[in-house]
Structures are given as C-alpha cells and as structure tokens.
Amino acid sequence: MKLVSRIVAIILFILFFGLAVKNTQETSLYFFFGYEIRGPFVLMLLGFFAAGSILSILGMTPMIFRSKRELSRKRKLIEALEKESASQKQDVANPPSADTVNNNPNTV
C-alpha cells in the first residue's frame, strides 16, 4: 500500500510540476476601485489554493472545539459511572455483617 501511495504521489508531483512549467505567463487580477495584481498564473493559482485551504481550516475550528468539549464531557461521565459501578461491586462483594441474635430463650 505504501508503494502504491508513493507512486501516486510521484505521478501527481510530475503532473503539477508540468502544469507549473507550462503556465508561467503573466496574468492580471483586477479588483474593485482599480486595484490590480500582476504575476505568474501558477503563483496566482497557488495563492488562491492556499487561501482556500486556510479559510476551510478556519471554518472547521468551531466544530473541532465543540467535538473536543463533548468528548471531554463524555469521558468525565464514563469515569463517574465506572466509579459508581466499582463502589456497587464492592458493596456486593462485602455485605454487611449480620447482627448477632440471641436464640437462647432463657436469657432476657
């Protein structure tokens, strides 16, 4: 499996490197208010890919923190239930001692 993933990685690297070599022409990106960026097409593509990755990670952070809080809460609940179960098992294993009963009818 490792060999297959390395072969796929090498093929993808060669394809993306070829794309970068073929697309070195300068391109312009126009924004509002006359703002303009000029640069190689491949760098523009790389920049937008990086910006999209960063934005998607930032969008996922609330969900990650929420799931970590929930996991912590559930672990505490499990620990409490395990302690309760252990105390119940201990109570069953060590029943209280029976009271001494005087069966002799002659003593009052």
C-alpha atoms as a PDB file:
ATOM      1  CA  MET A   1       0.000   0.000   0.000  1.00  0.00           C
ATOM      2  CA  LYS A   2       2.881   2.337   0.794  1.00  0.00           C
ATOM      3  CA  LEU A   3       4.381   1.692  -2.612  1.00  0.00           C
ATOM      4  CA  VAL A   4       1.112   2.493  -4.379  1.00  0.00           C
ATOM      5  CA  SER A   5       0.664   5.756  -2.460  1.00  0.00           C
ATOM      6  CA  ARG A   6       4.243   6.815  -3.250  1.00  0.00           C
ATOM      7  CA  ILE A   7       3.764   6.056  -6.937  1.00  0.00           C
ATOM      8  CA  VAL A   8       0.548   8.117  -6.971  1.00  0.00           C
ATOM      9  CA  ALA A   9       2.338  10.967  -5.160  1.00  0.00           C
ATOM     10  CA  ILE A  10       5.191  10.940  -7.680  1.00  0.00           C
ATOM     11  CA  ILE A  11       2.764  10.957 -10.618  1.00  0.00           C
ATOM     12  CA  LEU A  12       0.790  13.863  -9.112  1.00  0.00           C
ATOM     13  CA  PHE A  13       4.003  15.795  -8.470  1.00  0.00           C
ATOM     14  CA  ILE A  14       5.111  15.337 -12.075  1.00  0.00           C
ATOM     15  CA  LEU A  15       1.683  16.434 -13.361  1.00  0.00           C
ATOM     16  CA  PHE A  16       1.555  19.540 -11.161  1.00  0.00           C
ATOM     17  CA  PHE A  17       5.168  20.415 -11.951  1.00  0.00           C
ATOM     18  CA  GLY A  18       4.375  20.161 -15.655  1.00  0.00           C
ATOM     19  CA  LEU A  19       1.348  22.413 -15.143  1.00  0.00           C
ATOM     20  CA  ALA A  20       3.535  24.965 -13.354  1.00  0.00           C
ATOM     21  CA  VAL A  21       6.172  24.934 -16.106  1.00  0.00           C
ATOM     22  CA  LYS A  22       3.568  25.343 -18.876  1.00  0.00           C
ATOM     23  CA  ASN A  23       1.728  28.247 -17.171  1.00  0.00           C
ATOM     24  CA  THR A  24       4.424  30.805 -16.421  1.00  0.00           C
ATOM     25  CA  GLN A  25       2.838  33.639 -18.436  1.00  0.00           C
ATOM     26  CA  GLU A  26       1.920  36.792 -16.533  1.00  0.00           C
ATOM     27  CA  THR A  27      -1.684  37.358 -15.702  1.00  0.00           C
ATOM     28  CA  SER A  28      -3.589  40.234 -14.147  1.00  0.00           C
ATOM     29  CA  LEU A  29      -6.207  40.029 -11.465  1.00  0.00           C
ATOM     30  CA  TYR A  30      -8.459  43.091 -11.229  1.00  0.00           C
ATOM     31  CA  PHE A  31     -10.219  44.069  -8.005  1.00  0.00           C
ATOM     32  CA  PHE A  32     -12.643  46.873  -7.188  1.00  0.00           C
ATOM     33  CA  PHE A  33     -11.535  50.529  -7.111  1.00  0.00           C
ATOM     34  CA  GLY A  34      -8.881  49.975  -9.790  1.00  0.00           C
ATOM     35  CA  TYR A  35      -6.693  47.682  -7.665  1.00  0.00           C
ATOM     36  CA  GLU A  36      -4.750  45.170  -9.751  1.00  0.00           C
ATOM     37  CA  ILE A  37      -2.320  42.326  -9.086  1.00  0.00           C
ATOM     38  CA  ARG A  38       0.064  41.055 -11.750  1.00  0.00           C
ATOM     39  CA  GLY A  39       2.040  37.865 -11.523  1.00  0.00           C
ATOM     40  CA  PRO A  40       2.638  34.419 -12.961  1.00  0.00           C
ATOM     41  CA  PHE A  41      -0.531  32.405 -13.395  1.00  0.00           C
ATOM     42  CA  VAL A  42       0.843  29.484 -11.414  1.00  0.00           C
ATOM     43  CA  LEU A  43       1.614  31.698  -8.403  1.00  0.00           C
ATOM     44  CA  MET A  44      -1.887  33.172  -8.539  1.00  0.00           C
ATOM     45  CA  LEU A  45      -3.302  29.659  -8.590  1.00  0.00           C
ATOM     46  CA  LEU A  46      -1.089  28.617  -5.685  1.00  0.00           C
ATOM     47  CA  GLY A  47      -2.084  31.694  -3.684  1.00  0.00           C
ATOM     48  CA  PHE A  48      -5.800  31.073  -4.128  1.00  0.00           C
ATOM     49  CA  PHE A  49      -5.356  27.406  -3.257  1.00  0.00           C
ATOM     50  CA  ALA A  50      -3.528  28.371  -0.049  1.00  0.00           C
ATOM     51  CA  ALA A  51      -6.158  30.990   0.830  1.00  0.00           C
ATOM     52  CA  GLY A  52      -8.951  28.461   0.282  1.00  0.00           C
ATOM     53  CA  SER A  53      -7.197  25.896   2.463  1.00  0.00           C
ATOM     54  CA  ILE A  54      -6.718  28.417   5.276  1.00  0.00           C
ATOM     55  CA  LEU A  55     -10.344  29.554   5.102  1.00  0.00           C
ATOM     56  CA  SER A  56     -11.622  25.981   5.176  1.00  0.00           C
ATOM     57  CA  ILE A  57      -9.479  25.182   8.227  1.00  0.00           C
ATOM     58  CA  LEU A  58     -10.757  28.313   9.967  1.00  0.00           C
ATOM     59  CA  GLY A  59     -14.308  27.276   9.125  1.00  0.00           C
ATOM     60  CA  MET A  60     -13.780  23.869  10.724  1.00  0.00           C
ATOM     61  CA  THR A  61     -12.298  25.085  14.018  1.00  0.00           C
ATOM     62  CA  PRO A  62     -15.626  25.670  15.851  1.00  0.00           C
ATOM     63  CA  MET A  63     -16.743  22.136  15.019  1.00  0.00           C
ATOM     64  CA  ILE A  64     -13.426  20.700  16.216  1.00  0.00           C
ATOM     65  CA  PHE A  65     -13.546  22.580  19.521  1.00  0.00           C
ATOM     66  CA  ARG A  66     -17.175  21.581  20.039  1.00  0.00           C
ATOM     67  CA  SER A  67     -16.396  17.905  19.495  1.00  0.00           C
ATOM     68  CA  LYS A  68     -13.400  18.088  21.862  1.00  0.00           C
ATOM     69  CA  ARG A  69     -15.579  19.630  24.593  1.00  0.00           C
ATOM     70  CA  GLU A  70     -18.209  16.928  24.074  1.00  0.00           C
ATOM     71  CA  LEU A  71     -15.555  14.200  24.188  1.00  0.00           C
ATOM     72  CA  SER A  72     -14.180  15.600  27.452  1.00  0.00           C
ATOM     73  CA  ARG A  73     -17.671  15.749  28.956  1.00  0.00           C
ATOM     74  CA  LYS A  74     -18.376  12.144  27.969  1.00  0.00           C
ATOM     75  CA  ARG A  75     -15.051  10.926  29.378  1.00  0.00           C
ATOM     76  CA  LYS A  76     -15.885  12.535  32.731  1.00  0.00           C
ATOM     77  CA  LEU A  77     -19.309  10.861  32.656  1.00  0.00           C
ATOM     78  CA  ILE A  78     -17.723   7.487  31.919  1.00  0.00           C
ATOM     79  CA  GLU A  79     -15.266   7.914  34.798  1.00  0.00           C
ATOM     80  CA  ALA A  80     -18.122   8.782  37.180  1.00  0.00           C
ATOM     81  CA  LEU A  81     -20.130   5.754  36.033  1.00  0.00           C
ATOM     82  CA  GLU A  82     -17.096   3.489  36.431  1.00  0.00           C
ATOM     83  CA  LYS A  83     -16.537   4.746  39.982  1.00  0.00           C
ATOM     84  CA  GLU A  84     -20.208   4.157  40.792  1.00  0.00           C
ATOM     85  CA  SER A  85     -20.059   0.672  39.309  1.00  0.00           C
ATOM     86  CA  ALA A  86     -16.897  -0.129  41.272  1.00  0.00           C
ATOM     87  CA  SER A  87     -18.496   1.001  44.529  1.00  0.00           C
ATOM     88  CA  GLN A  88     -21.592  -1.124  43.802  1.00  0.00           C
ATOM     89  CA  LYS A  89     -19.407  -4.163  43.091  1.00  0.00           C
ATOM     90  CA  GLN A  90     -17.538  -3.538  46.326  1.00  0.00           C
ATOM     91  CA  ASP A  91     -20.828  -3.345  48.249  1.00  0.00           C
ATOM     92  CA  VAL A  92     -21.936  -6.665  46.751  1.00  0.00           C
ATOM     93  CA  ALA A  93     -18.593  -8.333  47.473  1.00  0.00           C
ATOM     94  CA  ASN A  94     -18.509  -7.120  51.100  1.00  0.00           C
ATOM     95  CA  PRO A  95     -22.043  -7.454  52.505  1.00  0.00           C
ATOM     96  CA  PRO A  96     -22.651  -6.001  55.944  1.00  0.00           C
ATOM     97  CA  SER A  97     -22.118  -8.395  58.836  1.00  0.00           C
ATOM     98  CA  ALA A  98     -25.205  -9.988  60.298  1.00  0.00           C
ATOM     99  CA  ASP A  99     -26.386  -8.795  63.713  1.00  0.00           C
ATOM    100  CA  THR A 100     -25.849 -11.244  66.480  1.00  0.00           C
ATOM    101  CA  VAL A 101     -29.119 -12.769  67.524  1.00  0.00           C
ATOM    102  CA  ASN A 102     -29.555 -14.400  70.882  1.00  0.00           C
ATOM    103  CA  ASN A 103     -31.516 -17.611  70.303  1.00  0.00           C
ATOM    104  CA  ASN A 104     -31.445 -18.682  73.913  1.00  0.00           C
ATOM    105  CA  PRO A 105     -34.975 -18.320  75.329  1.00  0.00           C
ATOM    106  CA  ASN A 106     -33.778 -18.432  78.951  1.00  0.00           C
ATOM    107  CA  THR A 107     -31.991 -15.112  78.799  1.00  0.00           C
ATOM    108  CA  VAL A 108     -33.947 -11.972  78.780  1.00  0.00           C
END
